[in-house]
């Protein structure tokens, strides 16, 4: 099919089109919120214990690679504004199968991530209300997010704006507090002095050697899931040619501030060997700083971080179902918009799946083990989606050379960089085989693709030829 097909389908009936109601302010903060996940706030303790100070390089390397994925996505989305998301360009450039697999896999990615977030929210709520039934915060959270997303897309942007703002303020405060403690030579009750030398004077930057360094990649990847969310908002951005490049180009600065600087601040104040894997190092730093309300404040931050992630998931899954329905790869009912131009039926379906999945996880005896399994599956599936974005770009350069020549927002490194990123993701898959819990998730993931393959063949066989 030609790239003009979507225009013919969507241009005649604005009532069935997503509206461009997200401003530059919304897009920028959605991009930031997508780049700062619960994995940073809660998972950084475990990654520091595995890799030591070299974890700074782990986050930087993953961030650089994903920046190139986002640049490839940006050029593709801006090459044809009829592309609503990466479903559209993957289907157009790689074939209908790619749109089907990308859309449904991305939907499943966010359902899994949303389940993890809803369970995390329940756990964080127990901090303040230990006697509250575990199911109550989960149901309340999903109900609130569903209500907000049903109203208007602008309200989603507004909610995500403030969720992201809370995360930014928390991280900037942590970096500032850490810097102050280093400059003043702060000493902890255990006699540890805050200093940048703590990063290298206990076994060097790579205390656990190469294997420790590589082990950090397994968990760190999950901290970046959602970074591509800016691509699902493209269809609802007021001025995509301006807002999308600005959001993507600022990713490296965000990674330096929100990941690298935050981790340096933590390990400068708390030597890496003293970081407890099961605790949030963010909380520990503020406790050391003598802020008695730190635990409650950071608990609020991580709760809003999880709510932000769940909010992003509810938004993006409904848009994926809408896109799939437009292509005939999902029930037609999901292709209908409400009076507020919101895919309401997809929203309701995704929220029901969130609650159903959360219920299934509550009956698993070992929640920590289940959480690790779920987050690893999520990271693997996100890497699959990122890889299809790169493969779409390679096809675009081969078959749409004239669009690349006309582009004002070209991917740096081009096709060669795409292959480098694909090799990087393949390397992470190999690393996942090293640990028992991540290996278990890796072995379970192909079942999803088998189910998708059967569903694709079944749906295509029922589609009229034309």
Protein backbone atom coordinates (compact mmCIF):
# COMPACT_ATOMS: atom_id res chain seq x y z
CA UNK A 1 0.00 0.00 0.00
CA UNK A 2 1.13 3.58 -0.56
CA UNK A 3 1.76 5.99 2.26
CA UNK A 4 -1.25 8.05 1.16
CA UNK A 5 -3.73 5.36 2.18
CA UNK A 6 -4.17 6.53 5.77
CA UNK A 7 -4.92 10.05 4.55
CA UNK A 8 -7.78 8.81 2.43
CA UNK A 9 -9.20 6.87 5.33
CA UNK A 10 -8.92 9.56 7.98
CA UNK A 11 -9.17 12.86 6.19
CA UNK A 12 -12.86 12.77 5.34
CA UNK A 13 -14.30 12.31 8.81
CA UNK A 14 -12.77 14.36 11.58
CA UNK A 15 -15.15 12.83 14.12
CA UNK A 16 -13.26 9.55 13.78
CA UNK A 17 -9.83 11.18 14.11
CA UNK A 18 -7.66 11.67 17.17
CA UNK A 19 -7.46 15.40 17.88
CA UNK A 20 -4.19 17.36 18.08
CA UNK A 21 -4.70 18.78 21.60
CA UNK A 22 -1.31 18.16 23.24
CA UNK A 23 0.85 21.29 23.49
CA UNK A 24 4.65 21.51 23.49
CA UNK A 25 4.55 21.72 27.32
CA UNK A 26 2.63 18.42 27.49
CA UNK A 27 4.83 16.62 24.94
CA UNK A 28 8.07 17.70 26.69
CA UNK A 29 6.91 16.48 30.10
CA UNK A 30 5.40 13.26 28.70
CA UNK A 31 8.81 12.55 27.15
CA UNK A 32 10.54 13.25 30.47
CA UNK A 33 8.01 11.16 32.39
CA UNK A 34 8.54 8.30 29.97
CA UNK A 35 12.28 8.45 30.52
CA UNK A 36 12.02 8.34 34.33
CA UNK A 37 10.38 5.15 35.52
CA UNK A 38 9.78 3.32 38.77
CA UNK A 39 12.85 1.28 37.81
CA UNK A 40 15.09 4.27 38.61
CA UNK A 41 13.55 5.04 42.00
CA UNK A 42 13.21 1.46 43.23
CA UNK A 43 15.52 -0.60 40.98
CA UNK A 44 18.67 1.51 41.26
CA UNK A 45 19.58 -0.04 44.64
CA UNK A 46 19.82 -3.50 43.09
CA UNK A 47 21.70 -2.28 40.01
CA UNK A 48 24.26 -0.45 42.21
CA UNK A 49 24.85 -3.62 44.29
CA UNK A 50 25.37 -5.66 41.09
CA UNK A 51 27.60 -3.30 39.10
CA UNK A 52 29.01 -0.87 41.67
CA UNK A 53 29.94 2.60 40.36
CA UNK A 54 30.09 1.25 36.78
CA UNK A 55 26.27 1.40 36.83
CA UNK A 56 26.70 5.05 35.77
CA UNK A 57 28.14 3.80 32.45
CA UNK A 58 25.36 1.19 32.13
CA UNK A 59 22.60 3.81 32.28
CA UNK A 60 24.55 6.16 29.99
CA UNK A 61 25.12 3.44 27.33
CA UNK A 62 21.46 2.30 27.34
CA UNK A 63 20.36 5.95 27.17
CA UNK A 64 22.62 6.71 24.20
CA UNK A 65 21.38 3.67 22.27
CA UNK A 66 17.73 4.51 22.93
CA UNK A 67 18.34 8.11 21.85
CA UNK A 68 19.22 6.78 18.38
CA UNK A 69 16.09 4.60 18.39
CA UNK A 70 14.04 7.71 19.20
CA UNK A 71 15.77 9.69 16.42
CA UNK A 72 14.90 6.95 13.92
CA UNK A 73 11.30 7.02 15.16
CA UNK A 74 11.21 10.83 14.94
CA UNK A 75 12.36 10.91 11.30
CA UNK A 76 9.82 8.24 10.35
CA UNK A 77 6.87 9.95 12.08
CA UNK A 78 7.71 13.33 10.53
CA UNK A 79 8.26 11.85 7.05
CA UNK A 80 4.50 11.33 6.80
CA UNK A 81 2.12 13.01 9.27
CA UNK A 82 -0.53 10.41 8.43
CA UNK A 83 1.52 8.03 10.60
CA UNK A 84 -0.31 8.10 13.94
CA UNK A 85 2.28 5.93 15.73
CA UNK A 86 4.87 3.23 15.06
CA UNK A 87 2.07 0.77 14.17
CA UNK A 88 1.44 2.79 11.01
CA UNK A 89 5.00 3.10 9.77
CA UNK A 90 5.94 -0.49 10.65
CA UNK A 91 2.89 -1.80 8.75
CA UNK A 92 3.63 0.50 5.81
CA UNK A 93 7.37 -0.19 5.61
CA UNK A 94 7.68 -3.82 6.75
CA UNK A 95 4.27 -5.23 5.89
CA UNK A 96 0.90 -5.80 7.62
CA UNK A 97 2.40 -8.45 9.91
CA UNK A 98 4.74 -5.86 11.47
CA UNK A 99 1.86 -3.48 12.27
CA UNK A 100 -0.06 -6.36 13.85
CA UNK A 101 2.88 -7.64 15.90
CA UNK A 102 4.05 -4.13 16.91
CA UNK A 103 0.61 -2.93 17.98
CA UNK A 104 -0.42 -5.97 19.99
CA UNK A 105 3.05 -6.43 21.53
CA UNK A 106 3.16 -2.78 22.59
CA UNK A 107 -0.34 -3.13 24.05
CA UNK A 108 0.78 -6.23 25.99
CA UNK A 109 3.99 -4.44 27.09
CA UNK A 110 2.00 -1.72 28.79
CA UNK A 111 -0.57 -4.09 30.27
CA UNK A 112 2.28 -6.04 31.91
CA UNK A 113 4.02 -2.85 33.03
CA UNK A 114 0.69 -1.47 34.24
CA UNK A 115 0.07 -4.61 36.32
CA UNK A 116 3.48 -4.12 37.96
CA UNK A 117 2.69 -0.44 38.57
CA UNK A 118 -0.74 -1.15 40.08
CA UNK A 119 0.80 -3.70 42.46
CA UNK A 120 3.56 -1.21 43.34
CA UNK A 121 0.91 1.44 44.09
CA UNK A 122 -0.84 -1.00 46.43
CA UNK A 123 2.46 -1.65 48.22
CA UNK A 124 3.27 2.08 48.53
CA UNK A 125 -0.24 2.78 49.90
CA UNK A 126 0.37 0.20 52.63
CA UNK A 127 3.11 2.53 53.94
CA UNK A 128 0.47 5.00 55.12
CA UNK A 129 -2.54 2.70 55.52
CA UNK A 130 -1.24 -0.73 56.57
CA UNK A 131 -4.74 -2.01 57.41
CA UNK A 132 -6.17 -1.10 53.99
CA UNK A 133 -7.12 -4.17 51.87
CA UNK A 134 -4.48 -4.68 49.17
CA UNK A 135 -7.06 -4.59 46.36
CA UNK A 136 -8.52 -1.21 47.37
CA UNK A 137 -5.67 1.12 46.21
CA UNK A 138 -5.33 -0.85 42.95
CA UNK A 139 -9.03 -0.51 42.07
CA UNK A 140 -9.06 3.15 43.16
CA UNK A 141 -5.99 3.95 41.02
CA UNK A 142 -7.37 2.28 37.87
CA UNK A 143 -10.78 3.94 38.39
CA UNK A 144 -9.21 7.41 38.74
CA UNK A 145 -6.93 6.96 35.71
CA UNK A 146 -9.82 5.63 33.60
CA UNK A 147 -12.02 8.60 34.58
CA UNK A 148 -9.30 11.14 33.77
CA UNK A 149 -8.43 9.57 30.41
CA UNK A 150 -12.09 9.32 29.35
CA UNK A 151 -12.60 13.07 29.54
CA UNK A 152 -10.12 14.66 27.09
CA UNK A 153 -6.61 13.98 25.82
CA UNK A 154 -5.64 17.44 27.09
CA UNK A 155 -6.50 16.32 30.63
CA UNK A 156 -4.24 13.26 30.19
CA UNK A 157 -1.46 15.66 29.13
CA UNK A 158 -2.13 17.86 32.16
CA UNK A 159 -2.09 14.95 34.64
CA UNK A 160 1.11 13.54 33.09
CA UNK A 161 2.65 17.02 33.17
CA UNK A 162 2.26 17.25 36.95
CA UNK A 163 3.23 13.61 37.58
CA UNK A 164 6.46 14.22 35.62
CA UNK A 165 7.04 17.52 37.42
CA UNK A 166 6.98 15.73 40.80
CA UNK A 167 9.62 13.26 39.56
CA UNK A 168 11.81 16.06 38.19
CA UNK A 169 11.65 18.07 41.43
CA UNK A 170 12.51 14.94 43.47
CA UNK A 171 15.57 14.09 41.34
CA UNK A 172 16.85 17.68 41.11
CA UNK A 173 16.45 17.97 44.91
CA UNK A 174 18.37 14.71 45.38
CA UNK A 175 21.22 15.86 43.11
CA UNK A 176 21.33 19.25 44.84
CA UNK A 177 21.29 17.66 48.32
CA UNK A 178 24.05 15.22 47.33
CA UNK A 179 26.20 18.04 45.90
CA UNK A 180 25.74 20.11 49.09
CA UNK A 181 26.73 17.11 51.26
CA UNK A 182 29.86 16.52 49.15
CA UNK A 183 30.90 20.18 49.23
CA UNK A 184 30.41 20.42 53.01
CA UNK A 185 32.23 17.11 53.68
CA UNK A 186 29.16 15.58 55.36
CA UNK A 187 29.88 12.57 57.64
CA UNK A 188 27.27 9.86 58.24
CA UNK A 189 26.65 8.32 61.71
CA UNK A 190 28.71 5.33 60.50
CA UNK A 191 31.66 7.64 59.88
CA UNK A 192 31.39 7.73 56.07
CA UNK A 193 32.39 11.06 54.51
CA UNK A 194 30.54 12.27 51.42
CA UNK A 195 33.05 12.55 48.59
CA UNK A 196 33.25 11.89 44.85
CA UNK A 197 36.23 9.65 45.69
CA UNK A 198 33.69 7.11 47.02
CA UNK A 199 33.03 6.23 43.38
CA UNK A 200 36.50 4.82 42.76
CA UNK A 201 38.34 4.26 46.04
CA UNK A 202 36.64 0.95 46.93
CA UNK A 203 37.59 -1.50 44.20
CA UNK A 204 37.60 1.08 41.41
CA UNK A 205 34.76 1.86 39.00
CA UNK A 206 34.40 -1.86 38.11
CA UNK A 207 34.61 -3.62 41.52
CA UNK A 208 32.84 -6.77 40.28
CA UNK A 209 34.69 -6.87 36.98
CA UNK A 210 33.13 -7.25 33.55
CA UNK A 211 30.43 -9.69 34.70
CA UNK A 212 29.20 -7.28 37.38
CA UNK A 213 29.10 -4.50 34.81
CA UNK A 214 27.11 -6.62 32.34
CA UNK A 215 24.73 -7.82 35.08
CA UNK A 216 23.60 -4.22 35.56
CA UNK A 217 22.11 -4.09 32.05
CA UNK A 218 19.47 -6.71 32.88
CA UNK A 219 17.59 -4.51 35.36
CA UNK A 220 18.58 -1.09 34.01
CA UNK A 221 16.77 -1.66 30.68
CA UNK A 222 13.43 -1.79 32.52
CA UNK A 223 14.08 1.71 33.91
CA UNK A 224 13.88 3.07 30.34
CA UNK A 225 10.64 1.43 29.19
CA UNK A 226 8.24 4.15 28.09
CA UNK A 227 10.91 6.37 26.57
CA UNK A 228 9.20 5.81 23.19
CA UNK A 229 5.86 7.08 24.56
CA UNK A 230 6.46 10.41 22.85
CA UNK A 231 5.90 8.52 19.57
CA UNK A 232 2.36 7.48 20.56
CA UNK A 233 1.49 11.13 21.32
CA UNK A 234 2.59 12.33 17.84
CA UNK A 235 -0.94 12.06 16.40
CA UNK A 236 -2.24 14.32 19.16
CA UNK A 237 0.53 16.93 19.17
CA UNK A 238 -0.44 20.41 17.96
CA UNK A 239 2.79 21.08 16.06
CA UNK A 240 4.65 17.76 15.60
CA UNK A 241 7.41 19.25 13.38
CA UNK A 242 8.43 21.48 16.30
CA UNK A 243 7.48 19.54 19.43
CA UNK A 244 8.66 16.04 18.46
CA UNK A 245 12.28 17.00 17.59
CA UNK A 246 12.55 19.16 20.72
CA UNK A 247 11.32 16.32 22.93
CA UNK A 248 13.64 13.73 21.34
CA UNK A 249 16.72 16.00 21.16
CA UNK A 250 16.55 16.72 24.88
CA UNK A 251 16.72 13.00 25.81
CA UNK A 252 20.56 12.95 26.26
CA UNK A 253 20.43 15.94 28.65
CA UNK A 254 17.65 14.26 30.64
CA UNK A 255 19.61 11.02 30.92
CA UNK A 256 22.69 12.89 32.19
CA UNK A 257 20.68 14.82 34.80
CA UNK A 258 18.10 12.25 35.86
CA UNK A 259 20.16 9.07 35.70
CA UNK A 260 23.89 9.77 35.70
CA UNK A 261 23.91 12.77 38.08
CA UNK A 262 21.38 11.13 40.43
CA UNK A 263 23.43 7.91 40.67
CA UNK A 264 26.69 9.85 41.17
CA UNK A 265 25.03 11.85 43.98
CA UNK A 266 23.79 8.66 45.66
CA UNK A 267 27.16 6.85 45.50
CA UNK A 268 29.16 9.94 46.50
CA UNK A 269 27.13 10.23 49.72
CA UNK A 270 26.50 6.52 50.34
CA UNK A 271 29.47 4.32 49.30
CA UNK A 272 28.19 1.70 46.87
CA UNK A 273 28.83 -1.22 49.26
CA UNK A 274 26.49 0.42 51.80
CA UNK A 275 23.58 0.67 49.34
CA UNK A 276 20.90 -1.86 50.35
CA UNK A 277 19.54 -3.66 47.22
CA UNK A 278 15.99 -4.01 48.60
CA UNK A 279 15.65 -0.33 49.57
CA UNK A 280 15.36 2.82 47.51
CA UNK A 281 18.72 4.65 47.67
CA UNK A 282 16.74 7.87 47.15
CA UNK A 283 15.09 7.44 50.56
CA UNK A 284 18.40 6.52 52.21
CA UNK A 285 20.14 9.67 50.96
CA UNK A 286 17.44 11.97 52.34
CA UNK A 287 17.43 10.08 55.65
CA UNK A 288 21.21 10.62 55.90
CA UNK A 289 20.68 14.29 55.14
CA UNK A 290 18.63 14.52 58.33
CA UNK A 291 15.23 15.02 56.74
CA UNK A 292 12.83 13.05 59.00
CA UNK A 293 9.96 13.33 56.51
CA UNK A 294 12.14 11.84 53.74
CA UNK A 295 10.52 8.39 53.82
CA UNK A 296 7.01 9.81 53.40
CA UNK A 297 8.11 12.30 50.74
CA UNK A 298 9.92 9.71 48.64
CA UNK A 299 7.08 7.22 49.16
CA UNK A 300 4.78 9.87 47.68
CA UNK A 301 7.22 10.40 44.78
CA UNK A 302 7.52 6.70 43.93
CA UNK A 303 3.74 6.31 44.23
CA UNK A 304 3.16 9.15 41.75
CA UNK A 305 5.93 7.68 39.56
CA UNK A 306 4.09 4.36 39.43
CA UNK A 307 0.78 6.18 38.85
CA UNK A 308 2.43 8.17 36.04
CA UNK A 309 3.64 4.95 34.41
CA UNK A 310 0.19 3.35 34.77
CA UNK A 311 -1.37 6.54 33.34
CA UNK A 312 0.98 6.36 30.34
CA UNK A 313 0.07 2.69 29.90
CA UNK A 314 -3.67 3.35 29.95
CA UNK A 315 -3.21 6.15 27.39
CA UNK A 316 -0.90 4.27 25.00
CA UNK A 317 -2.76 0.92 25.08
CA UNK A 318 -6.02 2.60 24.10
CA UNK A 319 -4.27 4.36 21.18
CA UNK A 320 -2.68 1.09 20.06
CA UNK A 321 -6.08 -0.65 20.05
CA UNK A 322 -7.52 2.30 18.08
CA UNK A 323 -4.73 2.04 15.50
CA UNK A 324 -5.10 -1.74 15.22
CA UNK A 325 -8.88 -1.44 14.78
CA UNK A 326 -8.36 1.15 12.00
CA UNK A 327 -6.24 -1.42 10.15
CA UNK A 328 -8.69 -4.26 10.81
CA UNK A 329 -6.27 -6.03 13.16
CA UNK A 330 -8.48 -5.60 16.24
CA UNK A 331 -12.28 -5.64 16.77
CA UNK A 332 -13.93 -2.65 15.06
CA UNK A 333 -15.46 -1.55 18.35
CA UNK A 334 -12.01 -0.25 19.44
CA UNK A 335 -11.87 2.06 16.39
CA UNK A 336 -14.75 4.25 17.62
CA UNK A 337 -14.07 7.54 19.40
CA UNK A 338 -16.17 9.18 22.08
CA UNK A 339 -17.64 12.69 21.77
CA UNK A 340 -14.39 13.96 23.33
CA UNK A 341 -12.36 12.27 20.52
CA UNK A 342 -11.03 9.66 22.98
CA UNK A 343 -10.90 5.89 22.19
CA UNK A 344 -13.07 5.17 25.23
CA UNK A 345 -13.81 1.50 24.55
CA UNK A 346 -10.11 0.70 24.26
CA UNK A 347 -9.53 2.55 27.54
CA UNK A 348 -12.15 0.51 29.37
CA UNK A 349 -10.85 -2.79 27.93
CA UNK A 350 -7.24 -2.00 28.91
CA UNK A 351 -8.30 -1.03 32.45
CA UNK A 352 -10.27 -4.27 32.86
CA UNK A 353 -7.15 -6.19 31.74
CA UNK A 354 -5.07 -4.28 34.29
CA UNK A 355 -7.37 -5.32 37.13
CA UNK A 356 -7.61 -8.91 35.89
CA UNK A 357 -3.83 -9.19 35.67
CA UNK A 358 -3.35 -7.61 39.09
CA UNK A 359 -5.73 -10.17 40.58
CA UNK A 360 -3.75 -13.01 39.00
CA UNK A 361 -0.52 -11.64 40.47
CA UNK A 362 -1.98 -11.31 43.94
CA UNK A 363 -2.56 -15.08 44.04
CA UNK A 364 1.10 -15.78 43.18
CA UNK A 365 2.76 -16.69 46.52
CA UNK A 366 6.09 -14.92 45.89
CA UNK A 367 5.28 -11.39 44.68
CA UNK A 368 8.93 -10.35 44.39
CA UNK A 369 9.68 -13.29 42.11
CA UNK A 370 6.55 -12.56 40.07
CA UNK A 371 7.49 -8.88 39.84
CA UNK A 372 10.97 -9.76 38.49
CA UNK A 373 9.44 -12.14 35.96
CA UNK A 374 6.89 -9.55 34.81
CA UNK A 375 9.39 -6.67 34.49
CA UNK A 376 11.86 -8.85 32.56
CA UNK A 377 9.14 -9.99 30.12
CA UNK A 378 8.17 -6.32 29.75
CA UNK A 379 11.78 -5.28 28.98
CA UNK A 380 12.16 -8.09 26.38
CA UNK A 381 8.93 -7.10 24.63
CA UNK A 382 9.86 -3.41 24.66
CA UNK A 383 13.18 -4.31 23.01
CA UNK A 384 11.19 -6.16 20.33
CA UNK A 385 9.16 -2.99 19.65
CA UNK A 386 12.32 -0.82 19.61
CA UNK A 387 13.90 -3.30 17.16
CA UNK A 388 10.92 -3.09 14.79
CA UNK A 389 11.24 0.72 14.82
CA UNK A 390 14.89 0.30 13.72
CA UNK A 391 14.01 -2.28 11.05
CA UNK A 392 11.29 0.08 9.77
CA UNK A 393 13.90 2.81 9.46
CA UNK A 394 16.25 0.52 7.50
CA UNK A 395 13.38 -0.30 5.10
CA UNK A 396 12.47 3.41 4.84
CA UNK A 397 16.03 4.31 3.82
CA UNK A 398 15.97 1.57 1.18
CA UNK A 399 12.51 2.18 -0.30
CA UNK A 400 11.75 5.84 0.51
CA UNK A 401 15.11 7.47 -0.22
CA UNK A 402 13.39 10.61 -1.55
CA UNK A 403 11.61 11.16 1.80
CA UNK A 404 14.92 10.84 3.65
CA UNK A 405 16.53 13.39 1.30
CA UNK A 406 13.65 15.81 1.97
CA UNK A 407 13.74 15.27 5.74
CA UNK A 408 14.76 18.15 8.01
CA UNK A 409 15.15 15.79 10.96
CA UNK A 410 17.50 13.01 9.93
CA UNK A 411 18.67 10.15 12.11
CA UNK A 412 22.39 10.56 12.99
CA UNK A 413 24.47 7.59 11.86
CA UNK A 414 21.67 6.35 9.63
CA UNK A 415 21.42 2.66 8.80
CA UNK A 416 24.80 1.77 10.36
CA UNK A 417 23.64 3.10 13.73
CA UNK A 418 20.42 1.08 13.43
CA UNK A 419 22.43 -2.13 13.04
CA UNK A 420 24.62 -1.14 16.03
CA UNK A 421 21.49 -0.67 18.19
CA UNK A 422 20.06 -4.02 17.03
CA UNK A 423 23.35 -5.74 17.94
CA UNK A 424 23.19 -4.04 21.36
CA UNK A 425 19.67 -5.40 22.02
CA UNK A 426 20.80 -8.87 20.93
CA UNK A 427 23.65 -8.61 23.44
CA UNK A 428 21.22 -7.77 26.26
CA UNK A 429 19.10 -10.82 25.35
CA UNK A 430 22.24 -12.96 25.74
CA UNK A 431 22.90 -11.35 29.16
CA UNK A 432 19.38 -12.31 30.28
CA UNK A 433 20.36 -15.99 30.05
CA UNK A 434 22.94 -15.58 32.84
CA UNK A 435 20.52 -15.31 35.81
CA UNK A 436 17.86 -17.90 36.69
CA UNK A 437 14.96 -15.46 37.17
CA UNK A 438 15.60 -13.48 33.96
CA UNK A 439 16.27 -16.71 32.03
CA UNK A 440 12.83 -17.99 33.11
CA UNK A 441 11.19 -14.84 31.69
CA UNK A 442 13.19 -15.16 28.47
CA UNK A 443 11.96 -18.72 27.99
CA UNK A 444 8.33 -17.73 28.64
CA UNK A 445 8.27 -14.76 26.21
CA UNK A 446 8.16 -16.76 22.89
CA UNK A 447 4.70 -18.04 23.92
CA UNK A 448 3.36 -14.52 23.30
CA UNK A 449 4.71 -14.50 19.73
CA UNK A 450 3.28 -17.97 19.06
CA UNK A 451 -0.16 -16.73 20.18
CA UNK A 452 0.22 -13.61 18.02
CA UNK A 453 1.25 -15.68 15.00
CA UNK A 454 -1.83 -17.91 15.33
CA UNK A 455 -4.09 -14.85 15.80
CA UNK A 456 -2.53 -13.09 12.78
CA UNK A 457 -3.02 -16.07 10.47
CA UNK A 458 -6.59 -16.48 11.73
CA UNK A 459 -7.51 -12.80 11.25
CA UNK A 460 -5.87 -12.54 7.81
CA UNK A 461 -7.69 -15.65 6.59
CA UNK A 462 -11.03 -13.99 7.44
CA UNK A 463 -10.15 -10.63 5.85
CA UNK A 464 -11.69 -9.92 2.45
CA UNK A 465 -9.14 -9.75 -0.37
CA UNK A 466 -8.96 -6.39 -1.99
